[in-house]
Amino acid sequence: MSASSTARRVAATALAAGAIVSAVALPASAHDGDRHRNPQVKISRVQADSPGRENRSNRSLNAEWVELTNTTRHPVNLKGWTLRDEDGNRYRFNDYRLAGRATVRIHTGEGRDTRTDLFQDRRDYVWDNNRDKATLRDNRGRTVDTKSWNNHHHRR
C-alpha cells in the first residue's frame, strides 16, 4: 500500500468520523437554538379580586394584577406581546425586557412603569373576580401561556 493511499484512507476515516460527530451534535445545538426562540415566560400568579372595597380608585385598580415570570436564564424582550382577558381587553407590551429568572407584575390602574411593575393605565377593572382567563401571546400572536380561574365569589 502506498503512502498516498494510506493518507487518503486516513483522511476519509477522519471525514467520516467528523460527519458522525456533527450529525449527533446537530440536534442538540438546534434544540438550544429553539429554546432561545421560544422563551419560557409563564403567567405565574393572578390577583383578579382586588382586596378590600372595589371602588375603582387607582389603589384598588392596582391591587388587581397578573404576574409573568421568565423561567430561563436569558432576558426576553416582550415588545409586541399581549396580555388579554376573555372579554377582549388587551394590554400590549412596549419595549420591555424581562430579565432571566425575573418576575414582572402588570397592574390594571395607572402608575409609573419600573423593572418589576408595569401599569395598564386603565380606569376600570379588567379581570373578572369569578371566572376569567388570562392569555399571554408573543409578538407573532402565538399563545405562550394561559391561566384560568373559576371562583365562587360575588360579582363586581
Protein backbone atom coordinates (compact mmCIF):
# COMPACT_ATOMS: atom_id res chain seq x y z
CA MET A 1 0.00 0.00 0.00
CA SER A 2 1.45 3.37 -0.95
CA ALA A 3 1.81 6.37 1.36
CA SER A 4 -0.70 8.39 -0.69
CA SER A 5 -3.27 5.60 -0.47
CA THR A 6 -2.80 5.40 3.31
CA ALA A 7 -3.12 9.18 3.59
CA ARG A 8 -6.36 9.10 1.58
CA ARG A 9 -7.73 6.29 3.77
CA VAL A 10 -6.85 8.21 7.00
CA ALA A 11 -8.39 11.39 5.57
CA ALA A 12 -11.58 9.53 4.58
CA THR A 13 -11.85 7.97 8.04
CA ALA A 14 -11.38 11.36 9.70
CA LEU A 15 -14.02 12.95 7.48
CA ALA A 16 -16.47 10.12 8.20
CA ALA A 17 -15.86 10.42 11.94
CA GLY A 18 -16.39 14.19 11.71
CA ALA A 19 -19.66 13.70 9.86
CA ILE A 20 -20.92 11.30 12.54
CA VAL A 21 -19.98 13.69 15.35
CA SER A 22 -21.68 16.57 13.50
CA ALA A 23 -24.83 14.54 12.95
CA VAL A 24 -25.01 13.63 16.64
CA ALA A 25 -24.28 17.18 17.82
CA LEU A 26 -26.68 18.88 15.39
CA PRO A 27 -29.93 18.04 17.17
CA ALA A 28 -28.55 19.29 20.48
CA SER A 29 -27.42 22.61 19.04
CA ALA A 30 -30.66 23.01 17.08
CA HIS A 31 -32.61 22.37 20.27
CA ASP A 32 -30.61 25.01 22.14
CA GLY A 33 -31.49 27.50 19.41
CA ASP A 34 -35.18 26.64 19.74
CA ARG A 35 -35.03 27.34 23.44
CA HIS A 36 -33.94 30.92 22.74
CA ARG A 37 -36.59 31.43 20.05
CA ASN A 38 -39.36 30.06 22.30
CA PRO A 39 -38.78 31.76 25.64
CA GLN A 40 -40.36 30.24 28.69
CA VAL A 41 -42.38 33.16 30.04
CA LYS A 42 -45.27 31.99 32.20
CA ILE A 43 -48.27 33.57 33.86
CA SER A 44 -47.17 32.79 37.41
CA ARG A 45 -49.88 34.47 39.54
CA VAL A 46 -53.12 36.40 39.15
CA GLN A 47 -54.80 38.69 41.68
CA ALA A 48 -58.18 39.15 39.97
CA ASP A 49 -60.18 40.12 43.06
CA SER A 50 -58.81 43.40 44.33
CA PRO A 51 -58.69 43.15 48.16
CA GLY A 52 -60.99 45.49 50.06
CA ARG A 53 -63.70 47.69 48.62
CA GLU A 54 -63.76 47.80 44.83
CA ASN A 55 -64.43 51.50 44.26
CA ARG A 56 -62.42 51.99 41.03
CA SER A 57 -59.82 54.04 42.88
CA ASN A 58 -56.35 53.81 41.42
CA ARG A 59 -55.23 51.99 44.56
CA SER A 60 -57.97 49.38 44.15
CA LEU A 61 -57.31 49.03 40.39
CA ASN A 62 -53.60 48.47 41.02
CA ALA A 63 -54.38 45.74 43.57
CA GLU A 64 -55.66 43.76 40.57
CA TRP A 65 -52.69 42.32 38.66
CA VAL A 66 -51.10 39.50 36.69
CA GLU A 67 -47.52 38.32 37.23
CA LEU A 68 -45.29 36.97 34.48
CA THR A 69 -42.12 35.02 35.23
CA ASN A 70 -39.22 34.33 32.90
CA THR A 71 -38.13 30.79 33.81
CA THR A 72 -34.95 30.91 31.73
CA ARG A 73 -31.53 32.44 32.44
CA HIS A 74 -31.82 34.70 29.39
CA PRO A 75 -33.65 38.04 29.18
CA VAL A 76 -36.71 38.22 26.94
CA ASN A 77 -37.91 41.34 25.13
CA LEU A 78 -41.71 41.41 25.45
CA LYS A 79 -42.14 44.16 22.84
CA GLY A 80 -45.34 43.46 20.91
CA TRP A 81 -46.51 40.71 23.30
CA THR A 82 -50.08 40.94 24.60
CA LEU A 83 -51.96 40.00 27.75
CA ARG A 84 -55.70 39.57 27.20
CA ASP A 85 -58.81 38.63 29.18
CA GLU A 86 -61.86 36.70 27.94
CA ASP A 87 -63.76 39.94 27.17
CA GLY A 88 -61.06 41.09 24.75
CA ASN A 89 -59.38 43.69 26.97
CA ARG A 90 -55.78 43.74 25.81
CA TYR A 91 -52.53 45.12 27.14
CA ARG A 92 -49.67 45.40 24.62
CA PHE A 93 -46.12 45.48 25.94
CA ASN A 94 -43.82 48.24 24.76
CA ASP A 95 -40.07 47.72 24.58
CA TYR A 96 -39.83 45.91 27.94
CA ARG A 97 -37.02 43.47 28.71
CA LEU A 98 -37.83 40.81 31.34
CA ALA A 99 -34.57 39.67 32.91
CA GLY A 100 -33.72 36.00 33.29
CA ARG A 101 -35.38 34.33 36.30
CA ALA A 102 -37.29 37.58 36.95
CA THR A 103 -40.97 38.39 37.54
CA VAL A 104 -42.95 41.44 36.50
CA ARG A 105 -46.37 42.44 37.83
CA ILE A 106 -48.83 44.05 35.39
CA HIS A 107 -51.29 46.25 37.33
CA THR A 108 -54.63 47.37 35.95
CA GLY A 109 -54.53 51.01 37.09
CA GLU A 110 -52.25 53.95 36.44
CA GLY A 111 -48.64 54.23 37.56
CA ARG A 112 -45.03 54.63 36.57
CA ASP A 113 -43.53 51.58 34.88
CA THR A 114 -40.48 50.09 36.60
CA ARG A 115 -38.38 46.98 36.13
CA THR A 116 -40.74 44.97 38.39
CA ASP A 117 -44.11 46.69 37.85
CA LEU A 118 -45.96 47.72 34.69
CA PHE A 119 -49.26 49.59 34.53
CA GLN A 120 -52.11 49.27 32.02
CA ASP A 121 -53.29 52.81 32.86
CA ARG A 122 -56.96 51.79 32.92
CA ARG A 123 -59.77 53.36 34.91
CA ASP A 124 -61.85 50.20 35.18
CA TYR A 125 -61.24 46.63 36.27
CA VAL A 126 -60.12 44.07 33.69
CA TRP A 127 -60.13 40.69 35.40
CA ASP A 128 -63.42 39.13 36.45
CA ASN A 129 -63.38 38.01 40.09
CA ASN A 130 -65.47 34.90 39.47
CA ARG A 131 -64.35 33.46 36.19
CA ASP A 132 -61.88 34.64 33.59
CA LYS A 133 -58.87 33.59 31.57
CA ALA A 134 -55.61 35.46 31.09
CA THR A 135 -53.89 34.75 27.77
CA LEU A 136 -50.29 35.74 27.04
CA ARG A 137 -49.31 35.91 23.36
CA ASP A 138 -45.93 36.61 21.81
CA ASN A 139 -45.25 39.26 19.15
CA ARG A 140 -46.35 36.82 16.42
CA GLY A 141 -49.73 36.18 18.06
CA ARG A 142 -48.82 32.69 19.28
CA THR A 143 -50.25 31.72 22.67
CA VAL A 144 -47.40 31.40 25.15
CA ASP A 145 -49.44 30.67 28.31
CA THR A 146 -52.95 30.88 29.75
CA LYS A 147 -54.30 30.93 33.28
CA SER A 148 -57.99 30.39 34.07
CA TRP A 149 -59.91 30.65 37.30
CA ASN A 150 -63.44 29.88 38.40
CA ASN A 151 -64.20 31.17 41.90
CA HIS A 152 -67.50 31.24 43.71
CA HIS A 153 -67.31 34.84 44.92
CA HIS A 154 -69.69 37.74 44.43
CA ARG A 155 -69.61 39.59 41.13
CA ARG A 156 -68.36 43.16 40.87
